[in-house]
């Protein structure tokens, strides 16, 4: 079999990164001359594996639809005291909370970094190979309403039930109607003990019972969300204001 035949078969097998790495080895034999056959094959397999994992990560990130795709746990700003525990964040970075099907509750005022932290956790979960979905609660409830109307509700609920990490942002912004309460409980119930949920809210957890409204539904929902969760309460003023103060003014050209 000729070299051209080998590359054609690699292409047919869609081992494109493997083929590119092999080209590089053939073009620069001196750089790999001291390696034995298994080591050289290992380099080729590593290239294929790395590029495929990169594409899978990109795809997971696209499907997650995070509000802030640049959010990253490694870039969290700890300079300003706002109740953020480094030790807890290091534990969350291990991903054990996802494997244990635990939740994360992020509470704090507007601008304190809840959405950034939620998206950073989601991005890290994507990097670890988990399926993630981000939704603002008003958007989630609207999607459920539309799905009920067109008959796709069972499929939508099943998809969210299988998602490893569901991020619910803007929790508690608007009162819930009777059907919305029931829908929210349905989503939470399907995930309880099976998947992880991240909630970002301005309301303190003690006010969530009132927000949900119906005592029975509130008890059921909070029992499934709160007792198996990591709680992060952020304090202090808006991070946007703080960053604006720290940003040096650019002198006017006039």
Foldseek 3Di string as FASTA:
>chain_A
DDPVVVLVVCVVVVLVQLSVLVVVCVVCVVVCVVPDPVVSVVVSVVRSVVVVLVVQLVVLLVQQPQPDQVQALVPDDPPDDWQDDPVVSVVLLVVVCLVQLFEAEEEAAPQLCLSSVLNNSVSSCSNVPFRHHEDALVVVLVVCVVCVVVVNNVVVLVVLLRGQEYEYEAPLVDADDPVSLVVVLSSLVSNQRPHYYYYYYHDDPVCQCVRSPDNVSSVSNCVRHPPRYHYGYTDDDHPVVVVVVVDDDDDDPD
